[in-house]
């Protein structure tokens, strides 16, 4: 983890914060998607997937 933080030019604490945020965002999106699927709201589920894609794109651009 330390090598990754150094490679990104950030502190270990900041790296953990970023990774935690990403993990929680993914979990939240997946949970909401599964709830929408269970309720049969396909359109809303697809919106959530698109949002997740945007989050992944933004995180990957750091």
C-alpha atoms as a PDB file:
ATOM      1  CA  UNK A   1       0.000   0.000   0.000  1.00  0.00           C
ATOM      2  CA  UNK A   2       2.866   2.308   0.801  1.00  0.00           C
ATOM      3  CA  UNK A   3       4.377   1.810  -2.678  1.00  0.00           C
ATOM      4  CA  UNK A   4       1.013   2.600  -4.280  1.00  0.00           C
ATOM      5  CA  UNK A   5       0.682   5.784  -2.220  1.00  0.00           C
ATOM      6  CA  UNK A   6       4.181   6.854  -3.223  1.00  0.00           C
ATOM      7  CA  UNK A   7       3.460   6.065  -6.875  1.00  0.00           C
ATOM      8  CA  UNK A   8       0.330   8.229  -6.709  1.00  0.00           C
ATOM      9  CA  UNK A   9       2.153  11.007  -4.908  1.00  0.00           C
ATOM     10  CA  UNK A  10      -0.154  10.885  -1.910  1.00  0.00           C
ATOM     11  CA  UNK A  11      -0.014   9.901   1.732  1.00  0.00           C
ATOM     12  CA  UNK A  12      -0.960   6.457   2.953  1.00  0.00           C
ATOM     13  CA  UNK A  13      -3.873   7.978   4.913  1.00  0.00           C
ATOM     14  CA  UNK A  14      -5.186   9.766   1.820  1.00  0.00           C
ATOM     15  CA  UNK A  15      -4.883   6.571  -0.222  1.00  0.00           C
ATOM     16  CA  UNK A  16      -6.904   4.634   2.365  1.00  0.00           C
ATOM     17  CA  UNK A  17      -9.492   7.409   2.378  1.00  0.00           C
ATOM     18  CA  UNK A  18      -9.783   7.307  -1.418  1.00  0.00           C
ATOM     19  CA  UNK A  19     -10.011   3.520  -1.551  1.00  0.00           C
ATOM     20  CA  UNK A  20     -12.578   3.457   1.258  1.00  0.00           C
ATOM     21  CA  UNK A  21     -14.694   6.052  -0.519  1.00  0.00           C
ATOM     22  CA  UNK A  22     -14.537   4.055  -3.735  1.00  0.00           C
ATOM     23  CA  UNK A  23     -15.477   0.813  -1.990  1.00  0.00           C
ATOM     24  CA  UNK A  24     -18.415   2.410  -0.171  1.00  0.00           C
ATOM     25  CA  UNK A  25     -19.641   4.079  -3.356  1.00  0.00           C
ATOM     26  CA  UNK A  26     -19.544   0.788  -5.225  1.00  0.00           C
ATOM     27  CA  UNK A  27     -21.301  -1.026  -2.402  1.00  0.00           C
ATOM     28  CA  UNK A  28     -23.997   1.641  -2.199  1.00  0.00           C
ATOM     29  CA  UNK A  29     -24.582   1.587  -5.962  1.00  0.00           C
ATOM     30  CA  UNK A  30     -24.712  -2.200  -6.095  1.00  0.00           C
ATOM     31  CA  UNK A  31     -27.113  -2.331  -3.140  1.00  0.00           C
ATOM     32  CA  UNK A  32     -29.427   0.253  -4.706  1.00  0.00           C
ATOM     33  CA  UNK A  33     -29.243  -1.549  -8.049  1.00  0.00           C
ATOM     34  CA  UNK A  34     -30.190  -4.871  -6.457  1.00  0.00           C
ATOM     35  CA  UNK A  35     -33.122  -3.238  -4.656  1.00  0.00           C
ATOM     36  CA  UNK A  36     -34.327  -1.708  -7.924  1.00  0.00           C
ATOM     37  CA  UNK A  37     -34.013  -5.050  -9.695  1.00  0.00           C
ATOM     38  CA  UNK A  38     -36.050  -6.687  -6.950  1.00  0.00           C
ATOM     39  CA  UNK A  39     -38.755  -4.043  -7.329  1.00  0.00           C
ATOM     40  CA  UNK A  40     -38.728  -4.381 -11.105  1.00  0.00           C
ATOM     41  CA  UNK A  41     -37.656  -0.785 -11.840  1.00  0.00           C
ATOM     42  CA  UNK A  42     -35.342  -1.576 -14.754  1.00  0.00           C
ATOM     43  CA  UNK A  43     -34.925   2.032 -15.920  1.00  0.00           C
ATOM     44  CA  UNK A  44     -33.777   3.216 -12.500  1.00  0.00           C
ATOM     45  CA  UNK A  45     -31.415   0.255 -12.206  1.00  0.00           C
ATOM     46  CA  UNK A  46     -29.794   1.209 -15.508  1.00  0.00           C
ATOM     47  CA  UNK A  47     -29.437   4.820 -14.309  1.00  0.00           C
ATOM     48  CA  UNK A  48     -27.593   3.574 -11.238  1.00  0.00           C
ATOM     49  CA  UNK A  49     -25.256   1.465 -13.377  1.00  0.00           C
ATOM     50  CA  UNK A  50     -24.478   4.510 -15.522  1.00  0.00           C
ATOM     51  CA  UNK A  51     -23.705   6.506 -12.376  1.00  0.00           C
ATOM     52  CA  UNK A  52     -21.382   3.741 -11.193  1.00  0.00           C
ATOM     53  CA  UNK A  53     -19.591   3.838 -14.548  1.00  0.00           C
ATOM     54  CA  UNK A  54     -19.094   7.597 -14.158  1.00  0.00           C
ATOM     55  CA  UNK A  55     -17.686   7.135 -10.660  1.00  0.00           C
ATOM     56  CA  UNK A  56     -15.234   4.528 -11.929  1.00  0.00           C
ATOM     57  CA  UNK A  57     -14.170   6.828 -14.742  1.00  0.00           C
ATOM     58  CA  UNK A  58     -13.609   9.750 -12.372  1.00  0.00           C
ATOM     59  CA  UNK A  59     -11.637   7.656  -9.882  1.00  0.00           C
ATOM     60  CA  UNK A  60      -9.477   6.208 -12.633  1.00  0.00           C
ATOM     61  CA  UNK A  61      -8.502   9.655 -13.878  1.00  0.00           C
ATOM     62  CA  UNK A  62      -6.570  10.540 -10.675  1.00  0.00           C
END
